């Protein structure tokens, strides 16, 4: 099914974020929030995929998924702005999905979320649902609790997705069709090598800008063992560690290897030499030092 992104003005979060984790994986607060929103802009089909595969919701037949303006301002001066709004269309909108990235408990959301849905439903004249992506199961449970509107029979239950609900994508072909869902899967299930294998395939299928953004994002979030596994997978291909984080991470690993070889061979390392090795970010030079360390008699020998 087709999808269109970038319709309407950029969608910004309502307030700044605080540090949190996605499952057991540490994330970078504001950058993390923005990347998750950007994923829905890049691939509007991520919204119905989560509704269907994570929550088991039946999705109406549609021919495309489209990003809509996120400004939900009513006739009063108060402005409401959702993180993202996605419509499923077939000759017109058949379902609107209001997407919220929610890091923690914010009682104010229980007042504004119903406004989002009512405004979108009136504006687009179609059913509307609220999809809330959460970093942990505790937050997802809180976000998914019913909101009693006070009117008889009117209770809103947000559709909240946490790490445990996100499907584990292990099929490379499925991951290639849904790179953004593969990224979420890796964040939630990065301890499974099959998930990282599938992610690596999907990353190779997208444009360089998205590939580098998503790879750096996942590398920064994964625990050490999983991070090293994915780094080795990417090192066999075209990924060149363009980000500062990735270059620093790989350089640190190579520097540790140089020092480990010198230590195993009982070669003294001065503070000056140690600092020169650990602060080097030239990956090719570190590889040269590592080769020389295998036969060197002093640290002067590895520097040439």
C-alpha atoms as a PDB file:
ATOM      1  CA  UNK A   1       0.000   0.000   0.000  1.00  0.00           C
ATOM      2  CA  UNK A   2       1.276   3.417  -0.870  1.00  0.00           C
ATOM      3  CA  UNK A   3       2.313   6.031   1.618  1.00  0.00           C
ATOM      4  CA  UNK A   4       2.982   9.730   1.513  1.00  0.00           C
ATOM      5  CA  UNK A   5       5.016  11.716   4.018  1.00  0.00           C
ATOM      6  CA  UNK A   6       5.797  15.343   4.699  1.00  0.00           C
ATOM      7  CA  UNK A   7       2.287  16.773   4.294  1.00  0.00           C
ATOM      8  CA  UNK A   8       1.680  19.864   6.390  1.00  0.00           C
ATOM      9  CA  UNK A   9       4.014  21.719   8.764  1.00  0.00           C
ATOM     10  CA  UNK A  10       6.600  19.921  10.915  1.00  0.00           C
ATOM     11  CA  UNK A  11       5.065  18.234  13.947  1.00  0.00           C
ATOM     12  CA  UNK A  12       6.735  19.225  17.210  1.00  0.00           C
ATOM     13  CA  UNK A  13       6.373  17.746  20.694  1.00  0.00           C
ATOM     14  CA  UNK A  14       4.299  19.696  23.188  1.00  0.00           C
ATOM     15  CA  UNK A  15       6.962  19.767  25.889  1.00  0.00           C
ATOM     16  CA  UNK A  16      10.561  18.759  26.443  1.00  0.00           C
ATOM     17  CA  UNK A  17      11.460  15.233  27.504  1.00  0.00           C
ATOM     18  CA  UNK A  18      13.237  13.678  30.433  1.00  0.00           C
ATOM     19  CA  UNK A  19      15.730  10.822  30.423  1.00  0.00           C
ATOM     20  CA  UNK A  20      14.252   7.328  30.177  1.00  0.00           C
ATOM     21  CA  UNK A  21      14.824   3.880  28.771  1.00  0.00           C
ATOM     22  CA  UNK A  22      13.218   1.881  25.994  1.00  0.00           C
ATOM     23  CA  UNK A  23      12.886  -1.498  27.647  1.00  0.00           C
ATOM     24  CA  UNK A  24      16.363  -2.032  29.091  1.00  0.00           C
ATOM     25  CA  UNK A  25      18.017   0.231  26.551  1.00  0.00           C
ATOM     26  CA  UNK A  26      19.191   3.725  27.471  1.00  0.00           C
ATOM     27  CA  UNK A  27      18.142   6.448  25.063  1.00  0.00           C
ATOM     28  CA  UNK A  28      19.023  10.081  24.415  1.00  0.00           C
ATOM     29  CA  UNK A  29      16.009  12.140  25.547  1.00  0.00           C
ATOM     30  CA  UNK A  30      15.044  14.827  23.014  1.00  0.00           C
ATOM     31  CA  UNK A  31      16.887  13.210  20.121  1.00  0.00           C
ATOM     32  CA  UNK A  32      15.155   9.909  20.836  1.00  0.00           C
ATOM     33  CA  UNK A  33      11.733  11.558  20.843  1.00  0.00           C
ATOM     34  CA  UNK A  34      12.388  13.350  17.574  1.00  0.00           C
ATOM     35  CA  UNK A  35      13.769  10.255  15.829  1.00  0.00           C
ATOM     36  CA  UNK A  36      10.706   8.216  16.793  1.00  0.00           C
ATOM     37  CA  UNK A  37       8.425  10.935  15.430  1.00  0.00           C
ATOM     38  CA  UNK A  38      10.545  11.158  12.278  1.00  0.00           C
ATOM     39  CA  UNK A  39      10.111   7.420  11.754  1.00  0.00           C
ATOM     40  CA  UNK A  40       6.345   7.894  11.441  1.00  0.00           C
ATOM     41  CA  UNK A  41       6.925  10.784   9.032  1.00  0.00           C
ATOM     42  CA  UNK A  42       9.313   8.682   6.964  1.00  0.00           C
ATOM     43  CA  UNK A  43       6.984   5.683   6.963  1.00  0.00           C
ATOM     44  CA  UNK A  44       3.326   6.475   7.778  1.00  0.00           C
ATOM     45  CA  UNK A  45       2.582   2.764   7.303  1.00  0.00           C
ATOM     46  CA  UNK A  46       4.346   2.195  10.643  1.00  0.00           C
ATOM     47  CA  UNK A  47       1.172   3.368  12.425  1.00  0.00           C
ATOM     48  CA  UNK A  48      -1.203   0.722  10.989  1.00  0.00           C
ATOM     49  CA  UNK A  49       1.558  -1.889  11.284  1.00  0.00           C
ATOM     50  CA  UNK A  50       1.799  -1.299  15.039  1.00  0.00           C
ATOM     51  CA  UNK A  51      -1.974  -1.240  15.440  1.00  0.00           C
ATOM     52  CA  UNK A  52      -2.295  -4.549  13.611  1.00  0.00           C
ATOM     53  CA  UNK A  53       0.843  -6.464  14.614  1.00  0.00           C
ATOM     54  CA  UNK A  54       1.337  -5.152  18.152  1.00  0.00           C
ATOM     55  CA  UNK A  55      -2.282  -4.689  19.220  1.00  0.00           C
ATOM     56  CA  UNK A  56      -4.210  -7.056  16.920  1.00  0.00           C
ATOM     57  CA  UNK A  57      -6.514  -4.299  15.654  1.00  0.00           C
ATOM     58  CA  UNK A  58      -8.309  -4.913  12.381  1.00  0.00           C
ATOM     59  CA  UNK A  59      -7.225  -2.236   9.917  1.00  0.00           C
ATOM     60  CA  UNK A  60      -9.745  -1.022   7.303  1.00  0.00           C
ATOM     61  CA  UNK A  61      -8.906  -1.583   3.644  1.00  0.00           C
ATOM     62  CA  UNK A  62      -6.908   1.328   2.281  1.00  0.00           C
ATOM     63  CA  UNK A  63      -4.629   2.216  -0.620  1.00  0.00           C
ATOM     64  CA  UNK A  64      -2.192   4.579   1.110  1.00  0.00           C
ATOM     65  CA  UNK A  65      -0.995   5.921   4.454  1.00  0.00           C
ATOM     66  CA  UNK A  66      -0.411   9.657   4.701  1.00  0.00           C
ATOM     67  CA  UNK A  67       1.016  12.072   7.293  1.00  0.00           C
ATOM     68  CA  UNK A  68      -1.377  14.895   8.134  1.00  0.00           C
ATOM     69  CA  UNK A  69      -0.763  18.242   9.856  1.00  0.00           C
ATOM     70  CA  UNK A  70      -0.364  17.736  13.577  1.00  0.00           C
ATOM     71  CA  UNK A  71      -1.804  21.089  14.643  1.00  0.00           C
ATOM     72  CA  UNK A  72      -5.144  20.371  16.327  1.00  0.00           C
ATOM     73  CA  UNK A  73      -6.132  23.916  17.219  1.00  0.00           C
ATOM     74  CA  UNK A  74      -9.818  24.517  17.879  1.00  0.00           C
ATOM     75  CA  UNK A  75     -11.715  27.829  17.788  1.00  0.00           C
ATOM     76  CA  UNK A  76     -10.335  28.794  21.202  1.00  0.00           C
ATOM     77  CA  UNK A  77      -6.840  30.328  21.450  1.00  0.00           C
ATOM     78  CA  UNK A  78      -5.429  27.136  23.052  1.00  0.00           C
ATOM     79  CA  UNK A  79      -3.232  25.215  20.603  1.00  0.00           C
ATOM     80  CA  UNK A  80      -3.050  21.421  20.669  1.00  0.00           C
ATOM     81  CA  UNK A  81      -0.337  19.642  18.756  1.00  0.00           C
ATOM     82  CA  UNK A  82       0.029  15.876  18.369  1.00  0.00           C
ATOM     83  CA  UNK A  83       3.376  14.237  17.717  1.00  0.00           C
ATOM     84  CA  UNK A  84       2.060  12.820  14.438  1.00  0.00           C
ATOM     85  CA  UNK A  85      -1.218  12.199  12.656  1.00  0.00           C
ATOM     86  CA  UNK A  86      -1.466   9.465  10.020  1.00  0.00           C
ATOM     87  CA  UNK A  87      -4.475   8.792   7.804  1.00  0.00           C
ATOM     88  CA  UNK A  88      -5.289   5.571   5.986  1.00  0.00           C
ATOM     89  CA  UNK A  89      -6.986   6.400   2.708  1.00  0.00           C
ATOM     90  CA  UNK A  90      -9.083   4.859  -0.016  1.00  0.00           C
ATOM     91  CA  UNK A  91     -10.688   7.602  -2.123  1.00  0.00           C
ATOM     92  CA  UNK A  92     -10.609   9.572   1.133  1.00  0.00           C
ATOM     93  CA  UNK A  93      -9.671   9.039   4.779  1.00  0.00           C
ATOM     94  CA  UNK A  94     -10.966   5.770   6.283  1.00  0.00           C
ATOM     95  CA  UNK A  95      -9.052   5.934   9.579  1.00  0.00           C
ATOM     96  CA  UNK A  96      -7.013   8.614  11.361  1.00  0.00           C
ATOM     97  CA  UNK A  97      -4.264   7.570  13.771  1.00  0.00           C
ATOM     98  CA  UNK A  98      -3.085  10.117  16.322  1.00  0.00           C
ATOM     99  CA  UNK A  99       0.445   9.060  17.329  1.00  0.00           C
ATOM    100  CA  UNK A 100       1.955  10.122  20.659  1.00  0.00           C
ATOM    101  CA  UNK A 101       5.447   9.321  21.979  1.00  0.00           C
ATOM    102  CA  UNK A 102       4.969   9.218  25.749  1.00  0.00           C
ATOM    103  CA  UNK A 103       7.934   8.763  28.103  1.00  0.00           C
ATOM    104  CA  UNK A 104       6.262   8.932  31.484  1.00  0.00           C
ATOM    105  CA  UNK A 105       3.094   9.669  33.385  1.00  0.00           C
ATOM    106  CA  UNK A 106       1.674  13.051  32.460  1.00  0.00           C
ATOM    107  CA  UNK A 107      -1.846  13.571  33.877  1.00  0.00           C
ATOM    108  CA  UNK A 108      -2.355  16.485  31.515  1.00  0.00           C
ATOM    109  CA  UNK A 109      -2.383  14.091  28.567  1.00  0.00           C
ATOM    110  CA  UNK A 110      -5.534  12.458  29.870  1.00  0.00           C
ATOM    111  CA  UNK A 111      -7.235  15.809  29.320  1.00  0.00           C
ATOM    112  CA  UNK A 112      -5.753  16.641  25.906  1.00  0.00           C
ATOM    113  CA  UNK A 113      -5.773  13.212  24.229  1.00  0.00           C
ATOM    114  CA  UNK A 114      -9.589  13.146  23.885  1.00  0.00           C
ATOM    115  CA  UNK A 115      -9.370  16.635  22.343  1.00  0.00           C
ATOM    116  CA  UNK A 116      -6.897  15.336  19.762  1.00  0.00           C
ATOM    117  CA  UNK A 117      -9.245  12.529  18.694  1.00  0.00           C
ATOM    118  CA  UNK A 118     -12.382  14.657  18.607  1.00  0.00           C
ATOM    119  CA  UNK A 119     -10.642  17.382  16.592  1.00  0.00           C
ATOM    120  CA  UNK A 120      -9.123  14.966  14.068  1.00  0.00           C
ATOM    121  CA  UNK A 121     -12.421  13.092  13.690  1.00  0.00           C
ATOM    122  CA  UNK A 122     -14.306  16.333  13.011  1.00  0.00           C
ATOM    123  CA  UNK A 123     -11.646  17.684  10.660  1.00  0.00           C
ATOM    124  CA  UNK A 124     -11.230  14.542   8.556  1.00  0.00           C
ATOM    125  CA  UNK A 125     -14.752  13.114   8.957  1.00  0.00           C
ATOM    126  CA  UNK A 126     -13.541   9.576   9.673  1.00  0.00           C
ATOM    127  CA  UNK A 127     -12.980   7.288  12.666  1.00  0.00           C
ATOM    128  CA  UNK A 128      -9.938   8.178  14.781  1.00  0.00           C
ATOM    129  CA  UNK A 129      -7.780   6.152  17.177  1.00  0.00           C
ATOM    130  CA  UNK A 130      -5.021   7.094  19.609  1.00  0.00           C
ATOM    131  CA  UNK A 131      -1.724   5.156  19.371  1.00  0.00           C
ATOM    132  CA  UNK A 132       0.743   5.797  22.234  1.00  0.00           C
ATOM    133  CA  UNK A 133       4.312   4.494  21.925  1.00  0.00           C
ATOM    134  CA  UNK A 134       5.925   4.026  25.350  1.00  0.00           C
ATOM    135  CA  UNK A 135       9.515   3.275  26.461  1.00  0.00           C
ATOM    136  CA  UNK A 136       8.571   0.711  29.113  1.00  0.00           C
ATOM    137  CA  UNK A 137       5.677  -1.496  30.149  1.00  0.00           C
ATOM    138  CA  UNK A 138       4.874   0.511  33.289  1.00  0.00           C
ATOM    139  CA  UNK A 139       4.314   3.652  31.228  1.00  0.00           C
ATOM    140  CA  UNK A 140       2.331   1.678  28.643  1.00  0.00           C
ATOM    141  CA  UNK A 141       0.038   0.309  31.349  1.00  0.00           C
ATOM    142  CA  UNK A 142      -0.584   3.809  32.710  1.00  0.00           C
ATOM    143  CA  UNK A 143      -1.145   5.307  29.265  1.00  0.00           C
ATOM    144  CA  UNK A 144      -3.488   2.486  28.286  1.00  0.00           C
ATOM    145  CA  UNK A 145      -5.794   2.875  31.292  1.00  0.00           C
ATOM    146  CA  UNK A 146      -9.347   4.038  30.441  1.00  0.00           C
ATOM    147  CA  UNK A 147     -10.174   7.746  30.492  1.00  0.00           C
ATOM    148  CA  UNK A 148     -13.699   8.311  31.810  1.00  0.00           C
ATOM    149  CA  UNK A 149     -15.069  11.345  29.993  1.00  0.00           C
ATOM    150  CA  UNK A 150     -17.950  11.769  32.442  1.00  0.00           C
ATOM    151  CA  UNK A 151     -20.633  11.353  29.773  1.00  0.00           C
ATOM    152  CA  UNK A 152     -22.521   8.031  30.105  1.00  0.00           C
ATOM    153  CA  UNK A 153     -20.908   5.365  27.929  1.00  0.00           C
ATOM    154  CA  UNK A 154     -18.057   7.618  26.804  1.00  0.00           C
ATOM    155  CA  UNK A 155     -14.772   6.061  27.906  1.00  0.00           C
ATOM    156  CA  UNK A 156     -11.545   6.443  25.894  1.00  0.00           C
ATOM    157  CA  UNK A 157      -8.993   3.647  26.201  1.00  0.00           C
ATOM    158  CA  UNK A 158      -5.723   4.689  24.486  1.00  0.00           C
ATOM    159  CA  UNK A 159      -3.969   2.020  22.427  1.00  0.00           C
ATOM    160  CA  UNK A 160      -0.615   1.896  24.204  1.00  0.00           C
ATOM    161  CA  UNK A 161       2.405  -0.022  22.867  1.00  0.00           C
ATOM    162  CA  UNK A 162       5.407  -0.908  25.029  1.00  0.00           C
ATOM    163  CA  UNK A 163       8.549  -2.955  24.277  1.00  0.00           C
ATOM    164  CA  UNK A 164       6.865  -6.270  25.156  1.00  0.00           C
ATOM    165  CA  UNK A 165       4.083  -5.594  22.650  1.00  0.00           C
ATOM    166  CA  UNK A 166       6.302  -4.697  19.695  1.00  0.00           C
ATOM    167  CA  UNK A 167       6.703  -7.736  17.427  1.00  0.00           C
ATOM    168  CA  UNK A 168      10.144  -9.328  17.105  1.00  0.00           C
ATOM    169  CA  UNK A 169      10.969  -9.107  13.396  1.00  0.00           C
ATOM    170  CA  UNK A 170      13.276 -11.990  12.503  1.00  0.00           C
ATOM    171  CA  UNK A 171      12.325 -12.336   8.835  1.00  0.00           C
ATOM    172  CA  UNK A 172      14.784 -10.274   6.722  1.00  0.00           C
ATOM    173  CA  UNK A 173      12.271  -9.835   3.901  1.00  0.00           C
ATOM    174  CA  UNK A 174       9.620  -8.551   6.301  1.00  0.00           C
ATOM    175  CA  UNK A 175      12.189  -6.192   7.835  1.00  0.00           C
ATOM    176  CA  UNK A 176      13.149  -4.865   4.402  1.00  0.00           C
ATOM    177  CA  UNK A 177       9.490  -4.033   3.748  1.00  0.00           C
ATOM    178  CA  UNK A 178       9.206  -2.195   7.088  1.00  0.00           C
ATOM    179  CA  UNK A 179      12.588  -0.709   8.111  1.00  0.00           C
ATOM    180  CA  UNK A 180      11.085   1.526  10.793  1.00  0.00           C
ATOM    181  CA  UNK A 181       9.279  -1.395  12.404  1.00  0.00           C
ATOM    182  CA  UNK A 182      12.574  -3.314  12.266  1.00  0.00           C
ATOM    183  CA  UNK A 183      14.228  -0.452  14.181  1.00  0.00           C
ATOM    184  CA  UNK A 184      11.563  -0.574  16.910  1.00  0.00           C
ATOM    185  CA  UNK A 185      11.916  -4.348  17.002  1.00  0.00           C
ATOM    186  CA  UNK A 186      15.679  -4.059  17.539  1.00  0.00           C
ATOM    187  CA  UNK A 187      15.196  -1.532  20.338  1.00  0.00           C
ATOM    188  CA  UNK A 188      12.767  -3.852  22.099  1.00  0.00           C
ATOM    189  CA  UNK A 189      14.324  -7.253  21.282  1.00  0.00           C
ATOM    190  CA  UNK A 190      17.987  -6.476  20.608  1.00  0.00           C
ATOM    191  CA  UNK A 191      19.108  -9.452  22.676  1.00  0.00           C
ATOM    192  CA  UNK A 192      17.938 -11.721  19.824  1.00  0.00           C
ATOM    193  CA  UNK A 193      20.629 -11.956  17.083  1.00  0.00           C
ATOM    194  CA  UNK A 194      17.951 -12.889  14.531  1.00  0.00           C
ATOM    195  CA  UNK A 195      16.289  -9.516  15.093  1.00  0.00           C
ATOM    196  CA  UNK A 196      19.597  -7.716  14.524  1.00  0.00           C
ATOM    197  CA  UNK A 197      20.268  -9.815  11.408  1.00  0.00           C
ATOM    198  CA  UNK A 198      16.890  -8.755  10.020  1.00  0.00           C
ATOM    199  CA  UNK A 199      17.551  -5.125  10.951  1.00  0.00           C
ATOM    200  CA  UNK A 200      20.901  -5.190   9.138  1.00  0.00           C
ATOM    201  CA  UNK A 201      19.167  -6.384   5.963  1.00  0.00           C
ATOM    202  CA  UNK A 202      16.550  -3.646   6.222  1.00  0.00           C
ATOM    203  CA  UNK A 203      19.145  -0.916   6.787  1.00  0.00           C
ATOM    204  CA  UNK A 204      20.924  -1.874   3.577  1.00  0.00           C
ATOM    205  CA  UNK A 205      17.683  -1.418   1.650  1.00  0.00           C
ATOM    206  CA  UNK A 206      17.084   2.259   2.488  1.00  0.00           C
ATOM    207  CA  UNK A 207      18.752   5.521   1.525  1.00  0.00           C
ATOM    208  CA  UNK A 208      22.068   6.482   3.144  1.00  0.00           C
ATOM    209  CA  UNK A 209      20.638   9.290   5.274  1.00  0.00           C
ATOM    210  CA  UNK A 210      18.014   7.097   6.931  1.00  0.00           C
ATOM    211  CA  UNK A 211      20.446   4.186   7.191  1.00  0.00           C
ATOM    212  CA  UNK A 212      23.003   6.232   9.113  1.00  0.00           C
ATOM    213  CA  UNK A 213      20.363   7.880  11.331  1.00  0.00           C
ATOM    214  CA  UNK A 214      18.711   4.588  12.288  1.00  0.00           C
ATOM    215  CA  UNK A 215      21.979   2.676  12.689  1.00  0.00           C
ATOM    216  CA  UNK A 216      23.486   5.284  14.983  1.00  0.00           C
ATOM    217  CA  UNK A 217      20.221   5.459  16.949  1.00  0.00           C
ATOM    218  CA  UNK A 218      20.082   1.698  17.521  1.00  0.00           C
ATOM    219  CA  UNK A 219      23.818   1.426  18.275  1.00  0.00           C
ATOM    220  CA  UNK A 220      23.443   4.100  20.938  1.00  0.00           C
ATOM    221  CA  UNK A 221      20.522   2.242  22.540  1.00  0.00           C
ATOM    222  CA  UNK A 222      21.648  -1.390  22.517  1.00  0.00           C
ATOM    223  CA  UNK A 223      23.481  -3.031  25.429  1.00  0.00           C
ATOM    224  CA  UNK A 224      27.180  -3.754  24.866  1.00  0.00           C
ATOM    225  CA  UNK A 225      26.967  -7.349  23.602  1.00  0.00           C
ATOM    226  CA  UNK A 226      24.187  -6.609  21.131  1.00  0.00           C
ATOM    227  CA  UNK A 227      25.878  -3.375  20.053  1.00  0.00           C
ATOM    228  CA  UNK A 228      29.104  -5.183  19.228  1.00  0.00           C
ATOM    229  CA  UNK A 229      27.197  -7.834  17.298  1.00  0.00           C
ATOM    230  CA  UNK A 230      25.410  -5.240  15.155  1.00  0.00           C
ATOM    231  CA  UNK A 231      28.626  -3.262  14.709  1.00  0.00           C
ATOM    232  CA  UNK A 232      30.333  -6.376  13.324  1.00  0.00           C
ATOM    233  CA  UNK A 233      27.427  -6.979  10.962  1.00  0.00           C
ATOM    234  CA  UNK A 234      27.592  -3.425   9.662  1.00  0.00           C
ATOM    235  CA  UNK A 235      31.388  -3.521   9.391  1.00  0.00           C
ATOM    236  CA  UNK A 236      31.126  -6.215   6.710  1.00  0.00           C
ATOM    237  CA  UNK A 237      29.118  -3.896   4.472  1.00  0.00           C
ATOM    238  CA  UNK A 238      29.070  -0.282   3.408  1.00  0.00           C
ATOM    239  CA  UNK A 239      28.369   1.434   6.723  1.00  0.00           C
ATOM    240  CA  UNK A 240      31.319   3.706   7.472  1.00  0.00           C
ATOM    241  CA  UNK A 241      30.500   4.948  10.979  1.00  0.00           C
ATOM    242  CA  UNK A 242      29.697   8.484   9.903  1.00  0.00           C
ATOM    243  CA  UNK A 243      28.389   9.670  13.256  1.00  0.00           C
ATOM    244  CA  UNK A 244      30.585  10.951  16.048  1.00  0.00           C
ATOM    245  CA  UNK A 245      29.150   8.323  18.382  1.00  0.00           C
ATOM    246  CA  UNK A 246      29.858   5.384  16.081  1.00  0.00           C
ATOM    247  CA  UNK A 247      33.374   6.523  15.197  1.00  0.00           C
ATOM    248  CA  UNK A 248      34.171   7.034  18.882  1.00  0.00           C
ATOM    249  CA  UNK A 249      32.747   3.637  19.820  1.00  0.00           C
ATOM    250  CA  UNK A 250      34.725   1.737  17.166  1.00  0.00           C
ATOM    251  CA  UNK A 251      37.912   3.687  17.913  1.00  0.00           C
ATOM    252  CA  UNK A 252      37.641   2.885  21.616  1.00  0.00           C
ATOM    253  CA  UNK A 253      37.346  -0.810  20.839  1.00  0.00           C
ATOM    254  CA  UNK A 254      40.408  -0.782  18.600  1.00  0.00           C
ATOM    255  CA  UNK A 255      42.434   1.200  21.158  1.00  0.00           C
ATOM    256  CA  UNK A 256      41.543  -1.329  23.849  1.00  0.00           C
ATOM    257  CA  UNK A 257      42.760  -4.102  21.550  1.00  0.00           C
ATOM    258  CA  UNK A 258      46.108  -2.382  21.039  1.00  0.00           C
ATOM    259  CA  UNK A 259      46.574  -1.990  24.784  1.00  0.00           C
ATOM    260  CA  UNK A 260      45.496  -5.573  25.406  1.00  0.00           C
ATOM    261  CA  UNK A 261      48.126  -6.949  23.003  1.00  0.00           C
ATOM    262  CA  UNK A 262      50.852  -4.800  24.583  1.00  0.00           C
ATOM    263  CA  UNK A 263      49.816  -5.948  28.052  1.00  0.00           C
ATOM    264  CA  UNK A 264      49.766  -9.617  27.027  1.00  0.00           C
ATOM    265  CA  UNK A 265      53.309  -9.235  25.713  1.00  0.00           C
ATOM    266  CA  UNK A 266      54.450  -7.454  28.913  1.00  0.00           C
ATOM    267  CA  UNK A 267      55.424  -4.305  27.035  1.00  0.00           C
ATOM    268  CA  UNK A 268      55.401  -1.267  29.363  1.00  0.00           C
ATOM    269  CA  UNK A 269      53.066   1.538  28.310  1.00  0.00           C
ATOM    270  CA  UNK A 270      53.792   5.050  29.532  1.00  0.00           C
ATOM    271  CA  UNK A 271      50.979   7.433  30.425  1.00  0.00           C
ATOM    272  CA  UNK A 272      51.842   9.476  27.357  1.00  0.00           C
ATOM    273  CA  UNK A 273      51.654   6.460  25.061  1.00  0.00           C
ATOM    274  CA  UNK A 274      48.412   5.273  26.646  1.00  0.00           C
ATOM    275  CA  UNK A 275      46.806   8.667  26.138  1.00  0.00           C
ATOM    276  CA  UNK A 276      47.976   8.787  22.528  1.00  0.00           C
ATOM    277  CA  UNK A 277      46.389   5.380  21.868  1.00  0.00           C
ATOM    278  CA  UNK A 278      43.112   5.957  23.722  1.00  0.00           C
ATOM    279  CA  UNK A 279      42.485   9.398  22.203  1.00  0.00           C
ATOM    280  CA  UNK A 280      43.182   8.357  18.611  1.00  0.00           C
ATOM    281  CA  UNK A 281      40.081   8.355  16.362  1.00  0.00           C
ATOM    282  CA  UNK A 282      41.837   7.390  13.120  1.00  0.00           C
ATOM    283  CA  UNK A 283      40.557   3.853  12.548  1.00  0.00           C
ATOM    284  CA  UNK A 284      43.153   2.994   9.889  1.00  0.00           C
ATOM    285  CA  UNK A 285      45.992   4.202  12.130  1.00  0.00           C
ATOM    286  CA  UNK A 286      44.657   2.141  15.040  1.00  0.00           C
ATOM    287  CA  UNK A 287      44.610  -0.919  12.785  1.00  0.00           C
ATOM    288  CA  UNK A 288      48.257  -0.249  11.901  1.00  0.00           C
ATOM    289  CA  UNK A 289      49.199   0.077  15.572  1.00  0.00           C
ATOM    290  CA  UNK A 290      47.390  -3.185  16.352  1.00  0.00           C
ATOM    291  CA  UNK A 291      49.383  -5.067  13.700  1.00  0.00           C
ATOM    292  CA  UNK A 292      52.657  -3.574  14.925  1.00  0.00           C
ATOM    293  CA  UNK A 293      51.822  -4.409  18.558  1.00  0.00           C
ATOM    294  CA  UNK A 294      52.053  -8.118  17.724  1.00  0.00           C
ATOM    295  CA  UNK A 295      55.799  -7.848  17.021  1.00  0.00           C
ATOM    296  CA  UNK A 296      56.848  -4.627  18.780  1.00  0.00           C
ATOM    297  CA  UNK A 297      59.453  -4.575  21.558  1.00  0.00           C
ATOM    298  CA  UNK A 298      58.458  -1.107  22.864  1.00  0.00           C
ATOM    299  CA  UNK A 299      55.607   1.304  22.347  1.00  0.00           C
ATOM    300  CA  UNK A 300      57.919   3.372  20.126  1.00  0.00           C
ATOM    301  CA  UNK A 301      57.861   0.472  17.653  1.00  0.00           C
ATOM    302  CA  UNK A 302      54.075   0.641  17.164  1.00  0.00           C
ATOM    303  CA  UNK A 303      54.126   4.369  16.440  1.00  0.00           C
ATOM    304  CA  UNK A 304      56.776   3.914  13.730  1.00  0.00           C
END
